[in-house]
Amino acid sequence: MTVTLGPFAPAGERVAGLWIWEVRDLEEAVAWVKPCPNPMPVPSGIEVRPFNVRD
């Protein structure tokens, strides 16, 4: 598995799922992603995109 720091995947790539986590920083987000199992029968990647929610 590879971890890609966003913001955009190349054209033609598809989103297979979406997770939203509330974390302190990008390092914590990557720590959450690393133990995730690869659900695909072929090599795949997970893209990490930061975003802010306005109160």
N, C-alpha and C. Protein backbone atom coordinates (compact mmCIF):
# COMPACT_ATOMS: atom_id res chain seq x y z
N MET A 1 0.85 -1.17 0.00
CA MET A 1 0.00 0.00 0.00
C MET A 1 0.89 1.22 0.00
N THR A 2 0.45 2.27 -0.72
CA THR A 2 1.15 3.54 -0.70
C THR A 2 0.24 4.58 -0.06
N VAL A 3 0.84 5.58 0.57
CA VAL A 3 0.10 6.70 1.13
C VAL A 3 0.50 7.93 0.34
N THR A 4 -0.47 8.60 -0.26
CA THR A 4 -0.21 9.78 -1.08
C THR A 4 -0.75 11.01 -0.37
N LEU A 5 0.09 12.03 -0.27
CA LEU A 5 -0.35 13.29 0.30
C LEU A 5 -0.96 14.09 -0.84
N GLY A 6 -2.29 14.36 -0.79
CA GLY A 6 -3.06 15.01 -1.85
C GLY A 6 -2.43 16.28 -2.35
N PRO A 7 -3.10 17.15 -3.03
CA PRO A 7 -4.54 17.31 -2.99
C PRO A 7 -5.31 16.60 -4.10
N PHE A 8 -4.68 16.19 -5.21
CA PHE A 8 -5.48 15.64 -6.29
C PHE A 8 -4.86 14.38 -6.86
N ALA A 9 -5.70 13.40 -7.16
CA ALA A 9 -5.25 12.19 -7.83
C ALA A 9 -5.26 12.44 -9.33
N PRO A 10 -4.43 11.73 -10.11
CA PRO A 10 -4.44 11.90 -11.56
C PRO A 10 -5.82 11.60 -12.15
N ALA A 11 -6.12 12.23 -13.26
CA ALA A 11 -7.40 11.99 -13.93
C ALA A 11 -7.54 10.51 -14.24
N GLY A 12 -8.74 10.00 -14.13
CA GLY A 12 -9.00 8.60 -14.40
C GLY A 12 -8.97 7.73 -13.16
N GLU A 13 -8.45 8.22 -12.06
CA GLU A 13 -8.46 7.45 -10.83
C GLU A 13 -9.83 7.61 -10.18
N ARG A 14 -10.26 6.60 -9.47
CA ARG A 14 -11.60 6.62 -8.89
C ARG A 14 -11.52 6.55 -7.37
N VAL A 15 -12.49 7.17 -6.74
CA VAL A 15 -12.61 7.10 -5.29
C VAL A 15 -13.44 5.86 -4.95
N ALA A 16 -12.86 4.97 -4.16
CA ALA A 16 -13.58 3.76 -3.79
C ALA A 16 -14.25 3.90 -2.43
N GLY A 17 -13.90 4.93 -1.70
CA GLY A 17 -14.47 5.13 -0.38
C GLY A 17 -13.98 6.46 0.18
N LEU A 18 -14.53 6.85 1.29
CA LEU A 18 -14.17 8.13 1.88
C LEU A 18 -14.24 7.99 3.39
N TRP A 19 -13.19 8.42 4.07
CA TRP A 19 -13.16 8.48 5.52
C TRP A 19 -12.88 9.90 5.92
N ILE A 20 -13.51 10.36 6.97
CA ILE A 20 -13.21 11.69 7.53
C ILE A 20 -12.83 11.47 8.99
N TRP A 21 -11.62 11.87 9.33
CA TRP A 21 -11.12 11.75 10.69
C TRP A 21 -10.82 13.13 11.24
N GLU A 22 -11.05 13.31 12.51
CA GLU A 22 -10.65 14.54 13.19
C GLU A 22 -9.31 14.24 13.88
N VAL A 23 -8.25 14.82 13.35
CA VAL A 23 -6.90 14.58 13.86
C VAL A 23 -6.20 15.91 14.10
N ARG A 24 -5.12 15.87 14.89
CA ARG A 24 -4.37 17.09 15.20
C ARG A 24 -3.59 17.62 14.01
N ASP A 25 -3.00 16.70 13.22
CA ASP A 25 -2.13 17.13 12.13
C ASP A 25 -2.00 16.01 11.10
N LEU A 26 -1.25 16.29 10.04
CA LEU A 26 -1.08 15.33 8.96
C LEU A 26 -0.35 14.08 9.44
N GLU A 27 0.58 14.22 10.35
CA GLU A 27 1.29 13.05 10.88
C GLU A 27 0.33 12.07 11.56
N GLU A 28 -0.62 12.59 12.32
CA GLU A 28 -1.59 11.71 12.97
C GLU A 28 -2.49 11.04 11.94
N ALA A 29 -2.87 11.75 10.89
CA ALA A 29 -3.70 11.16 9.83
C ALA A 29 -2.95 10.02 9.14
N VAL A 30 -1.67 10.22 8.84
CA VAL A 30 -0.88 9.17 8.20
C VAL A 30 -0.74 7.97 9.13
N ALA A 31 -0.60 8.21 10.44
CA ALA A 31 -0.53 7.12 11.40
C ALA A 31 -1.81 6.29 11.40
N TRP A 32 -2.96 6.93 11.20
CA TRP A 32 -4.24 6.21 11.12
C TRP A 32 -4.31 5.37 9.84
N VAL A 33 -3.76 5.90 8.75
CA VAL A 33 -3.88 5.23 7.45
C VAL A 33 -2.96 4.01 7.35
N LYS A 34 -1.76 4.10 7.89
CA LYS A 34 -0.77 3.04 7.69
C LYS A 34 -1.25 1.63 8.04
N PRO A 35 -1.99 1.41 9.13
CA PRO A 35 -2.41 0.03 9.42
C PRO A 35 -3.65 -0.43 8.64
N CYS A 36 -4.22 0.42 7.79
CA CYS A 36 -5.42 0.04 7.05
C CYS A 36 -5.09 -1.07 6.06
N PRO A 37 -5.90 -2.11 6.02
CA PRO A 37 -5.65 -3.20 5.07
C PRO A 37 -6.01 -2.77 3.65
N ASN A 38 -5.35 -3.36 2.68
CA ASN A 38 -5.66 -3.09 1.28
C ASN A 38 -6.85 -3.97 0.88
N PRO A 39 -8.01 -3.38 0.58
CA PRO A 39 -9.19 -4.18 0.24
C PRO A 39 -9.19 -4.66 -1.22
N MET A 40 -8.24 -4.20 -2.00
CA MET A 40 -8.22 -4.54 -3.42
C MET A 40 -7.34 -5.77 -3.66
N PRO A 41 -7.64 -6.55 -4.71
CA PRO A 41 -6.80 -7.72 -5.03
C PRO A 41 -5.50 -7.32 -5.73
N VAL A 42 -5.36 -6.06 -6.07
CA VAL A 42 -4.15 -5.53 -6.73
C VAL A 42 -3.60 -4.39 -5.88
N PRO A 43 -2.34 -4.00 -6.08
CA PRO A 43 -1.80 -2.86 -5.32
C PRO A 43 -2.66 -1.61 -5.51
N SER A 44 -2.87 -0.87 -4.44
CA SER A 44 -3.66 0.35 -4.52
C SER A 44 -3.10 1.35 -3.53
N GLY A 45 -3.65 2.55 -3.52
CA GLY A 45 -3.16 3.59 -2.65
C GLY A 45 -4.28 4.29 -1.91
N ILE A 46 -3.88 5.02 -0.88
CA ILE A 46 -4.83 5.83 -0.12
C ILE A 46 -4.31 7.26 -0.16
N GLU A 47 -5.15 8.18 -0.56
CA GLU A 47 -4.78 9.59 -0.63
C GLU A 47 -5.27 10.30 0.62
N VAL A 48 -4.40 11.09 1.22
CA VAL A 48 -4.73 11.86 2.43
C VAL A 48 -4.89 13.33 2.03
N ARG A 49 -6.07 13.88 2.27
CA ARG A 49 -6.34 15.29 1.94
C ARG A 49 -6.78 16.04 3.18
N PRO A 50 -6.07 17.08 3.54
CA PRO A 50 -6.52 17.90 4.67
C PRO A 50 -7.64 18.84 4.23
N PHE A 51 -8.56 19.12 5.13
CA PHE A 51 -9.58 20.15 4.89
C PHE A 51 -10.03 20.68 6.24
N ASN A 52 -10.53 21.88 6.22
CA ASN A 52 -11.00 22.52 7.44
C ASN A 52 -12.51 22.72 7.37
N VAL A 53 -13.17 22.49 8.47
CA VAL A 53 -14.61 22.71 8.57
C VAL A 53 -14.81 24.00 9.36
N ARG A 54 -15.57 24.90 8.79
CA ARG A 54 -15.84 26.16 9.49
C ARG A 54 -16.93 25.95 10.53
N ASP A 55 -16.72 26.55 11.69
CA ASP A 55 -17.72 26.44 12.76
C ASP A 55 -18.89 27.37 12.50
